[in-house]
Protein backbone atom coordinates (compact mmCIF):
# COMPACT_ATOMS: atom_id res chain seq x y z
CA MET A 1 12.14 -49.14 29.78
CA SER A 2 9.06 -47.27 28.63
CA TYR A 3 6.53 -45.93 31.13
CA ILE A 4 4.09 -48.69 30.14
CA GLU A 5 6.75 -51.37 30.66
CA ILE A 6 7.49 -49.91 34.10
CA LYS A 7 3.77 -50.08 34.93
CA GLN A 8 3.60 -53.71 33.81
CA TRP A 9 6.57 -54.54 36.03
CA ARG A 10 5.00 -52.62 38.92
CA ASP A 11 1.65 -54.40 38.57
CA SER A 12 3.28 -57.82 38.39
CA GLN A 13 5.38 -57.36 41.52
CA ILE A 14 3.59 -55.00 43.90
CA GLU A 15 1.42 -57.60 45.63
CA LYS A 16 4.52 -59.70 46.38
CA GLN A 17 5.82 -57.12 48.87
CA GLU A 18 5.58 -58.64 52.34
CA SER A 19 6.07 -55.60 54.56
CA SER A 20 5.56 -51.85 54.49
CA ASP A 21 9.33 -51.33 54.24
CA GLU A 22 9.54 -53.71 51.26
CA LEU A 23 6.56 -52.02 49.62
CA ASN A 24 8.03 -48.53 50.01
CA ALA A 25 11.46 -49.60 48.81
CA PHE A 26 9.67 -51.06 45.78
CA HIS A 27 7.81 -47.77 45.19
CA ASP A 28 11.15 -45.95 45.38
CA SER A 29 12.64 -48.26 42.74
CA ILE A 30 9.64 -47.74 40.44
CA MET A 31 9.74 -43.96 40.80
CA LYS A 32 13.49 -43.92 40.16
CA LYS A 33 12.93 -46.01 37.00
CA VAL A 34 10.37 -43.44 35.83
CA PHE A 35 12.87 -40.67 36.59
CA GLU A 36 15.58 -42.42 34.55
CA THR A 37 13.20 -42.85 31.60
CA THR A 38 12.15 -39.19 31.82
CA LEU A 39 15.76 -38.02 32.02
CA LYS A 40 16.71 -40.08 28.98
CA LYS A 41 13.78 -38.69 26.99
CA VAL A 42 14.39 -35.05 27.96
CA LYS A 43 18.14 -35.41 27.29
CA GLU A 44 17.41 -36.66 23.76
CA GLU A 45 14.99 -33.81 23.08
CA THR A 46 16.51 -30.88 25.01
CA GLY A 47 19.94 -31.87 26.30
CA PRO A 48 21.32 -32.74 29.75
CA PRO A 49 20.29 -30.88 32.91
CA PRO A 50 21.97 -27.44 32.85
CA CYS A 51 22.88 -27.48 36.56
CA LYS A 52 22.74 -29.55 39.73
CA TYR A 53 19.29 -30.38 41.10
CA ALA A 54 17.31 -32.56 43.47
CA TRP A 55 14.05 -34.38 42.82
CA PHE A 56 12.15 -34.95 46.05
CA VAL A 57 8.98 -36.77 47.01
CA MET A 58 6.51 -35.61 49.68
CA GLY A 59 3.35 -36.88 51.34
CA SER A 60 3.29 -40.60 52.12
CA ALA A 61 6.17 -41.15 49.64
CA GLY A 62 8.33 -38.61 51.47
CA ARG A 63 7.51 -40.31 54.76
CA PHE A 64 8.14 -43.81 53.32
CA GLU A 65 4.52 -44.71 54.15
CA GLN A 66 2.89 -45.39 50.79
CA ALA A 67 0.04 -47.86 50.39
CA ILE A 68 -0.27 -50.26 47.45
CA ILE A 69 -1.90 -47.46 45.47
CA SER A 70 -0.37 -44.01 45.93
CA ASP A 71 -0.81 -40.69 44.17
CA GLN A 72 1.93 -38.22 43.25
CA ASP A 73 3.52 -35.65 45.58
CA HIS A 74 6.88 -34.38 44.36
CA GLY A 75 8.97 -31.33 43.50
CA ILE A 76 12.28 -30.16 42.08
CA VAL A 77 14.90 -27.75 43.40
CA TYR A 78 17.75 -26.77 41.09
CA GLU A 79 20.98 -24.89 41.69
CA GLU A 80 20.73 -21.76 39.55
CA ASP A 81 17.93 -19.44 38.49
CA GLY A 82 17.62 -18.23 34.90
CA LYS A 83 15.23 -18.32 31.97
CA GLU A 84 16.78 -21.36 30.30
CA ASN A 85 17.10 -23.35 33.52
CA ASN A 86 13.52 -22.55 34.52
CA ALA A 87 12.24 -23.66 31.11
CA TYR A 88 14.31 -26.86 31.19
CA PHE A 89 13.14 -28.04 34.61
CA ASN A 90 9.53 -27.03 34.00
CA THR A 91 9.59 -29.22 30.88
CA PHE A 92 11.28 -31.97 32.88
CA GLY A 93 8.70 -31.69 35.68
CA LYS A 94 5.76 -31.98 33.30
CA GLU A 95 7.23 -35.05 31.61
CA LEU A 96 8.00 -36.59 35.00
CA ALA A 97 4.42 -36.16 36.25
CA PHE A 98 3.13 -37.65 32.98
CA GLY A 99 5.53 -40.60 33.28
CA LEU A 100 4.50 -41.35 36.87
CA HIS A 101 0.85 -41.23 35.84
CA GLU A 102 1.50 -43.66 33.00
CA ALA A 103 3.35 -45.95 35.43
CA GLY A 104 0.35 -46.15 37.78
CA TYR A 105 0.62 -43.14 40.11
CA PRO A 106 -2.49 -40.93 39.85
CA TYR A 107 -2.03 -37.18 39.50
CA CYS A 108 -2.23 -35.24 42.76
CA ASP A 109 -5.63 -33.53 43.15
CA GLY A 110 -3.91 -30.59 44.84
CA ASN A 111 -1.37 -30.26 41.99
CA VAL A 112 1.59 -30.81 44.33
CA MET A 113 3.84 -32.05 41.53
CA SER A 114 6.99 -31.06 39.66
CA SER A 115 4.76 -30.15 36.69
CA ASN A 116 3.49 -27.18 38.75
CA PRO A 117 6.00 -24.25 38.78
CA VAL A 118 5.10 -23.67 42.46
CA TRP A 119 6.86 -26.96 43.25
CA CYS A 120 9.65 -26.69 40.66
CA ARG A 121 12.06 -23.85 41.48
CA SER A 122 15.67 -22.79 41.84
CA LYS A 123 17.21 -22.75 45.33
CA ALA A 124 16.88 -18.96 45.49
CA SER A 125 13.26 -19.07 44.36
CA TRP A 126 12.46 -21.85 46.85
CA THR A 127 13.98 -19.75 49.63
CA ASP A 128 11.74 -16.81 48.65
CA GLN A 129 8.68 -19.07 48.42
CA LEU A 130 9.24 -20.58 51.87
CA LYS A 131 9.74 -17.14 53.40
CA LYS A 132 6.53 -15.97 51.73
CA TRP A 133 4.56 -18.90 53.16
CA LEU A 134 6.13 -18.35 56.58
CA ASN A 135 5.19 -14.66 56.58
CA GLU A 136 1.66 -15.17 55.26
CA GLU A 137 0.70 -17.80 57.86
CA SER A 138 -2.58 -18.43 56.02
CA PHE A 139 -4.21 -21.88 56.23
CA ASP A 140 -2.94 -22.82 52.76
CA SER A 141 0.56 -21.47 53.40
CA ILE A 142 0.85 -23.47 56.61
CA ARG A 143 -0.43 -26.56 54.78
CA TYR A 144 2.19 -26.13 52.04
CA LEU A 145 4.96 -25.77 54.64
CA LEU A 146 3.84 -28.99 56.34
CA ILE A 147 3.74 -30.78 52.98
CA PHE A 148 7.25 -29.54 52.17
CA TYR A 149 8.58 -30.59 55.57
CA ASP A 150 7.93 -34.24 54.66
CA ALA A 151 10.13 -33.94 51.56
CA ARG A 152 12.73 -36.67 50.95
CA VAL A 153 15.23 -36.45 48.09
CA LEU A 154 15.00 -39.45 45.77
CA VAL A 155 17.47 -38.29 43.11
CA GLY A 156 20.15 -35.59 43.24
CA GLU A 157 21.57 -33.26 45.88
CA SER A 158 20.07 -34.29 49.23
CA GLU A 159 21.57 -31.31 51.07
CA TYR A 160 19.41 -28.88 49.07
CA ASN A 161 16.27 -29.88 50.97
CA LEU A 162 18.02 -29.83 54.33
CA GLN A 163 19.20 -26.29 53.60
CA LEU A 164 15.66 -25.24 52.69
CA LYS A 165 14.11 -26.88 55.75
CA LYS A 166 16.53 -24.87 57.90
CA HIS A 167 14.56 -21.74 56.91
CA ILE A 168 11.50 -23.28 58.60
CA HIS A 169 13.50 -24.15 61.73
CA ASP A 170 14.94 -20.62 61.87
CA ALA A 171 11.47 -19.09 61.48
CA ILE A 172 10.12 -21.20 64.37
CA LYS A 173 13.04 -20.05 66.54
CA ASP A 174 12.22 -16.41 65.77
CA LYS A 175 8.42 -16.85 65.90
CA PRO A 176 7.55 -19.81 68.18
CA ASP A 177 3.82 -19.07 67.70
CA LEU A 178 4.25 -20.63 64.24
CA LEU A 179 4.08 -24.03 65.92
CA GLU A 180 0.65 -23.13 67.25
CA ARG A 181 -0.43 -22.28 63.70
CA PHE A 182 0.87 -25.65 62.55
CA LEU A 183 -1.09 -27.26 65.37
CA GLU A 184 -4.33 -25.49 64.40
CA ASN A 185 -3.91 -26.70 60.84
CA THR A 186 -3.64 -30.37 61.80
CA ILE A 187 -5.51 -30.89 65.09
CA HIS A 188 -8.93 -31.76 63.65
CA THR A 189 -9.11 -35.42 62.69
CA LYS A 190 -11.98 -37.87 62.40
CA LYS A 191 -12.64 -40.21 65.35
CA ALA A 192 -13.26 -43.86 64.55
CA VAL A 193 -13.88 -45.21 68.08
CA GLY A 194 -16.86 -44.02 70.11
CA PHE A 195 -17.43 -43.45 73.83
CA PHE A 196 -18.65 -47.03 74.30
CA GLN A 197 -15.55 -48.44 72.52
CA GLN A 198 -17.49 -49.10 69.33
CA PHE A 199 -16.15 -48.46 65.83
CA LEU A 200 -17.65 -45.41 64.12
CA PRO A 201 -17.67 -46.50 60.47
CA GLU A 202 -18.93 -44.56 57.47
CA THR A 203 -22.73 -44.82 57.43
CA HIS A 204 -23.45 -44.32 53.74
CA GLY A 205 -21.83 -44.21 50.34
CA SER A 206 -19.49 -46.71 48.73
CA HIS A 207 -17.43 -47.02 51.96
CA ALA A 208 -20.34 -47.69 54.34
CA GLY A 209 -19.21 -50.05 57.10
CA SER A 210 -15.54 -49.05 56.73
CA ILE A 211 -13.48 -46.64 58.79
CA ASP A 212 -11.41 -43.89 57.22
CA ILE A 213 -8.02 -45.31 58.17
CA LYS A 214 -6.19 -42.28 56.74
CA GLN A 215 -8.09 -39.61 58.68
CA SER A 216 -8.72 -41.62 61.86
CA GLY A 217 -5.61 -43.78 61.98
CA PHE A 218 -2.62 -42.38 60.16
CA LEU A 219 -3.06 -38.61 60.40
CA PRO A 220 -3.20 -38.37 64.22
CA TYR A 221 0.22 -40.08 64.39
CA VAL A 222 1.72 -38.37 61.33
CA ASN A 223 0.60 -34.85 62.31
CA ALA A 224 1.53 -35.11 66.00
CA VAL A 225 4.99 -36.56 65.36
CA ARG A 226 5.68 -34.02 62.58
CA LEU A 227 4.92 -31.16 64.99
CA LEU A 228 7.31 -32.53 67.60
CA ALA A 229 9.92 -33.00 64.86
CA LEU A 230 9.48 -29.38 63.78
CA LYS A 231 9.86 -28.22 67.37
CA GLU A 232 13.04 -30.24 67.90
CA LYS A 233 14.55 -29.70 64.40
CA VAL A 234 14.52 -33.42 63.59
CA GLU A 235 15.74 -33.95 60.03
CA GLU A 236 14.24 -37.40 59.42
CA ALA A 237 11.17 -37.52 57.17
CA SER A 238 9.35 -40.72 58.10
CA THR A 239 7.04 -40.93 61.11
CA LEU A 240 8.86 -44.00 62.44
CA SER A 241 12.34 -42.46 62.13
CA ARG A 242 11.03 -39.24 63.70
CA ILE A 243 9.65 -41.16 66.69
CA GLU A 244 13.00 -42.92 67.02
CA ALA A 245 14.96 -39.63 66.87
CA LEU A 246 12.61 -37.92 69.34
CA SER A 247 12.81 -40.89 71.73
CA GLN A 248 16.56 -40.26 72.05
CA LEU A 249 15.69 -36.99 73.82
CA PRO A 250 15.07 -37.57 77.56
CA LYS A 251 11.91 -35.45 77.63
CA TYR A 252 10.18 -37.72 75.09
CA ALA A 253 11.72 -41.11 75.89
CA THR A 254 8.91 -42.23 78.24
CA GLU A 255 6.01 -40.37 76.61
CA LEU A 256 6.63 -41.77 73.13
CA GLN A 257 7.11 -45.35 74.30
CA GLY A 258 4.85 -47.71 72.38
CA TYR A 259 3.84 -45.32 69.62
CA LYS A 260 6.44 -46.68 67.20
CA SER A 261 5.04 -50.22 67.41
CA ASP A 262 1.49 -48.79 67.16
CA PHE A 263 2.35 -47.07 63.89
CA GLU A 264 4.20 -50.12 62.55
CA ASN A 265 1.10 -52.22 63.26
CA LEU A 266 -1.11 -49.66 61.56
CA LEU A 267 1.05 -49.87 58.43
CA HIS A 268 0.88 -53.67 58.63
CA TYR A 269 -2.94 -53.72 58.94
CA ARG A 270 -3.33 -51.52 55.89
CA LEU A 271 -0.98 -53.62 53.81
CA MET A 272 -2.41 -57.00 54.81
CA HIS A 273 -6.05 -56.02 54.37
CA HIS A 274 -5.55 -54.23 51.06
CA LYS A 275 -3.46 -56.94 49.42
CA LYS A 276 -4.92 -58.84 46.48
CA MET A 277 -7.44 -56.05 45.99
CA THR A 278 -7.76 -53.61 43.11
CA GLU A 279 -8.93 -50.49 44.87
CA SER A 280 -8.89 -47.04 43.44
CA TYR A 281 -6.68 -44.48 45.17
CA ASP A 282 -9.72 -43.28 47.16
CA ASP A 283 -10.63 -46.81 48.32
CA ILE A 284 -7.17 -47.42 49.76
CA HIS A 285 -7.90 -44.94 52.58
CA TYR A 286 -10.67 -47.13 54.03
CA LEU A 287 -10.58 -50.34 56.05
CA ASP A 288 -13.56 -52.69 56.29
CA VAL A 289 -13.72 -53.54 59.99
CA LYS A 290 -16.04 -56.48 59.28
CA GLY A 291 -13.03 -58.24 57.75
CA LEU A 292 -11.13 -58.15 61.07
CA ASN A 293 -11.19 -60.92 63.66
CA LYS A 294 -11.91 -60.26 67.34
CA ASN A 295 -8.27 -59.73 68.37
CA GLU A 296 -7.56 -57.50 65.37
CA ARG A 297 -10.60 -55.35 66.15
CA LYS A 298 -9.48 -54.99 69.77
CA GLU A 299 -5.92 -54.07 68.80
CA LEU A 300 -6.99 -51.63 66.10
CA LYS A 301 -9.30 -49.82 68.54
CA ARG A 302 -6.38 -49.44 70.95
CA ILE A 303 -4.10 -48.11 68.18
CA LEU A 304 -6.72 -45.58 67.08
CA LYS A 305 -7.27 -44.39 70.66
CA ASP A 306 -3.51 -44.15 71.20
CA GLY A 307 -3.33 -41.88 68.16
CA GLN A 308 -5.76 -39.50 69.85
CA LYS A 309 -3.69 -39.66 73.06
CA LEU A 310 -0.56 -38.78 71.08
CA GLN A 311 -2.37 -35.81 69.53
CA ASP A 312 -3.50 -34.62 72.97
CA TYR A 313 0.04 -34.98 74.32
CA THR A 314 1.52 -33.02 71.40
CA GLN A 315 -1.08 -30.30 71.84
CA SER A 316 -0.16 -29.98 75.52
CA VAL A 317 3.56 -29.73 74.60
CA ILE A 318 2.94 -26.94 72.06
CA LYS A 319 0.46 -25.05 74.24
CA GLY A 320 2.74 -25.43 77.26
CA MET A 321 5.64 -23.99 75.30
CA MET A 322 3.55 -20.98 74.30
CA ARG A 323 2.58 -20.28 77.91
CA ARG A 324 6.22 -20.11 79.05
């Protein structure tokens, strides 16, 4: 299949997905089709891959939480360093990003893609890069580490990413204050419910009357659960699977009760209210609260407030650990 044929297939089927799990499995199948087409093209022009590798997705794709429209977040790790290998996978990464764009996945504004050499490296080079970010502890370095921690291998050697993530776990063990830096990087999110239990929608611009469901809804859950996962060395990448893994630990079993269903409902709201619509990637982050009925408005307010509670709880866990 060509990239355009993949896009046509994607566009004809994507609104038929009935749940967030179905939608994300569909995204996976589309992205794998793009990968296969890219691999075939690069093989014909340059030859087969010179060594083992893994192609991984990050962001909402890594967490299995994509919306109907989703941009690109992906990288490559390959077995052996060397001039020829570097050139091969850089070429591959650029073609892959182009193919995904042609198939309907907008380029990442932050350039977190396999086409960027920062995100396309050998195992040894990735190890050096992670150690550099861990030592720098700048805002951007911490952000990149958090992005990488959501990586999920879609094609290739899945153990490569687990081996690389171990460097982050080891660094936290040696320098527990790193968790506090991670917390500082993610703690500030936009509130969408006011003191008097009213929605706080955007007041002007093209999204006036809508709430920023990404900043106010998803990120409080995603960021808080990721921090707890980092603390406890949880290997799962999705927010739901992380909550499930953390809930197996006695210290979180009671505290995390209910948050899984909250997040599942949040995913459901986004899917149901964005179906049959042709938003841009930016539009998909907003939810028009006027389109909700009374019960939906009540439930959504509770879910948004629970997200803030989860953030507060996670902050107390991290701060409490630092005081010990």
